[in-house]
Amino acid sequence: MKKFIILVVFLIGITSFAQNKNAKASIEVDGVCMQCKARIEKASITTKGVKSAVWNVDTHELKLIYDENKTNLKTIQSNIAKAGHDTNEIIATDEAYNSVSPCCKYRDEQVVNEHKN
């Protein structure tokens, strides 16, 4: 009986610490156009564990559904930065940023203004 009680307590403990297979998160990612959208979503969705990634061009909000057992927000943001886009926590290297096409230079005020029109 004692072993049974220990087993039940152990299983309850594991269940309470289990990670979410359908965690939802929203992060800010810089970009200006539909090419940026495709690049950001591809960098996100190709991260193991990411089930859904939808970036909004107007709000710069990336909505994610991912498996916390396989990835985390830092890994996803790191992959987005490697693709050349800044997130609210990780800034893309100059090399990665310079790899995006000229119309996607979201750090350039003139490019941003051109996309507003």
Protein backbone atom coordinates (compact mmCIF):
# COMPACT_ATOMS: atom_id res chain seq x y z
CA MET A 1 0.00 0.00 0.00
CA LYS A 2 2.86 2.35 0.82
CA LYS A 3 4.40 1.80 -2.64
CA PHE A 4 1.05 2.53 -4.26
CA ILE A 5 0.72 5.87 -2.44
CA ILE A 6 4.28 6.84 -3.39
CA LEU A 7 3.56 5.96 -7.02
CA VAL A 8 0.37 8.06 -7.05
CA VAL A 9 2.17 11.06 -5.52
CA PHE A 10 4.99 10.66 -8.06
CA LEU A 11 2.58 10.55 -11.02
CA ILE A 12 0.68 13.61 -9.78
CA GLY A 13 4.00 15.45 -9.46
CA ILE A 14 5.02 14.57 -13.01
CA THR A 15 1.65 15.64 -14.37
CA SER A 16 1.80 19.01 -12.65
CA PHE A 17 5.23 19.73 -14.12
CA ALA A 18 4.42 18.53 -17.65
CA GLN A 19 5.04 21.06 -20.37
CA ASN A 20 2.38 22.27 -22.75
CA LYS A 21 2.23 20.58 -26.16
CA ASN A 22 0.18 23.48 -27.53
CA ALA A 23 1.73 26.51 -25.87
CA LYS A 24 0.67 29.83 -27.34
CA ALA A 25 2.82 32.92 -27.46
CA SER A 26 2.95 36.26 -29.17
CA ILE A 27 6.19 38.12 -29.89
CA GLU A 28 7.12 41.27 -31.76
CA VAL A 29 9.24 40.83 -34.89
CA ASP A 30 10.48 43.68 -37.10
CA GLY A 31 9.70 43.60 -40.81
CA VAL A 32 7.91 45.65 -43.46
CA CYS A 33 6.42 43.53 -46.25
CA MET A 34 5.06 40.21 -47.46
CA GLN A 35 8.59 38.96 -48.22
CA CYS A 36 9.42 39.60 -44.57
CA LYS A 37 6.24 37.75 -43.56
CA ALA A 38 7.26 34.69 -45.57
CA ARG A 39 10.82 34.74 -44.17
CA ILE A 40 9.71 35.21 -40.54
CA GLU A 41 7.05 32.50 -40.74
CA LYS A 42 9.45 30.08 -42.47
CA ALA A 43 12.17 30.66 -39.86
CA SER A 44 9.59 30.00 -37.15
CA ILE A 45 7.80 27.00 -38.61
CA THR A 46 11.05 25.21 -39.52
CA THR A 47 12.02 25.30 -35.83
CA LYS A 48 11.37 21.81 -34.46
CA GLY A 49 8.27 21.91 -32.28
CA VAL A 50 6.60 24.94 -33.86
CA LYS A 51 3.13 24.02 -35.08
CA SER A 52 1.86 27.40 -36.27
CA ALA A 53 3.42 30.79 -36.98
CA VAL A 54 1.48 33.77 -38.33
CA TRP A 55 3.09 37.21 -38.58
CA ASN A 56 1.03 40.37 -39.07
CA VAL A 57 2.65 42.97 -41.36
CA ASP A 58 0.80 45.90 -39.76
CA THR A 59 1.23 45.08 -36.07
CA HIS A 60 4.55 43.15 -36.32
CA GLU A 61 3.02 40.54 -34.02
CA LEU A 62 4.01 36.90 -34.52
CA LYS A 63 1.49 34.47 -33.07
CA LEU A 64 2.92 31.05 -32.30
CA ILE A 65 1.70 27.64 -31.28
CA TYR A 66 4.53 25.34 -30.25
CA ASP A 67 5.40 22.27 -28.21
CA GLU A 68 7.31 23.28 -25.06
CA ASN A 69 8.76 19.75 -24.90
CA LYS A 70 10.62 20.38 -28.17
CA THR A 71 11.47 24.10 -28.25
CA ASN A 72 11.20 27.40 -26.44
CA LEU A 73 10.72 31.06 -27.33
CA LYS A 74 14.44 31.83 -27.15
CA THR A 75 15.22 29.16 -29.78
CA ILE A 76 12.43 30.38 -32.06
CA GLN A 77 13.60 34.01 -31.73
CA SER A 78 17.18 32.96 -32.39
CA ASN A 79 16.14 31.30 -35.67
CA ILE A 80 14.19 34.41 -36.69
CA ALA A 81 17.26 36.57 -35.96
CA LYS A 82 19.41 34.21 -38.06
CA ALA A 83 16.97 34.87 -40.92
CA GLY A 84 17.68 38.61 -40.55
CA HIS A 85 14.83 39.91 -38.41
CA ASP A 86 14.98 41.54 -34.98
CA THR A 87 12.67 40.29 -32.24
CA ASN A 88 11.84 42.03 -29.00
CA GLU A 89 14.57 40.00 -27.27
CA ILE A 90 17.14 39.04 -29.93
CA ILE A 91 18.67 41.41 -32.50
CA ALA A 92 19.79 39.99 -35.84
CA THR A 93 23.48 40.28 -36.61
CA ASP A 94 24.48 42.83 -39.25
CA GLU A 95 25.45 39.94 -41.53
CA ALA A 96 22.00 38.33 -41.18
CA TYR A 97 20.21 41.69 -41.57
CA ASN A 98 22.21 42.52 -44.71
CA SER A 99 21.17 39.19 -46.25
CA VAL A 100 17.52 40.30 -46.59
CA SER A 101 16.46 41.92 -49.85
CA PRO A 102 16.69 45.73 -50.17
CA CYS A 103 12.91 46.20 -49.89
CA CYS A 104 13.00 44.42 -46.50
CA LYS A 105 15.47 46.74 -44.76
CA TYR A 106 13.17 47.49 -41.82
CA ARG A 107 15.92 49.44 -39.99
CA ASP A 108 16.04 51.98 -42.86
CA GLU A 109 13.51 54.76 -42.25
CA GLN A 110 13.15 55.46 -45.99
CA VAL A 111 12.24 51.81 -46.72
CA VAL A 112 9.73 51.80 -43.84
CA ASN A 113 8.11 54.99 -45.17
CA GLU A 114 7.90 53.55 -48.69
CA HIS A 115 5.94 50.59 -47.34
CA LYS A 116 3.47 52.87 -45.56
CA ASN A 117 2.29 54.27 -48.91
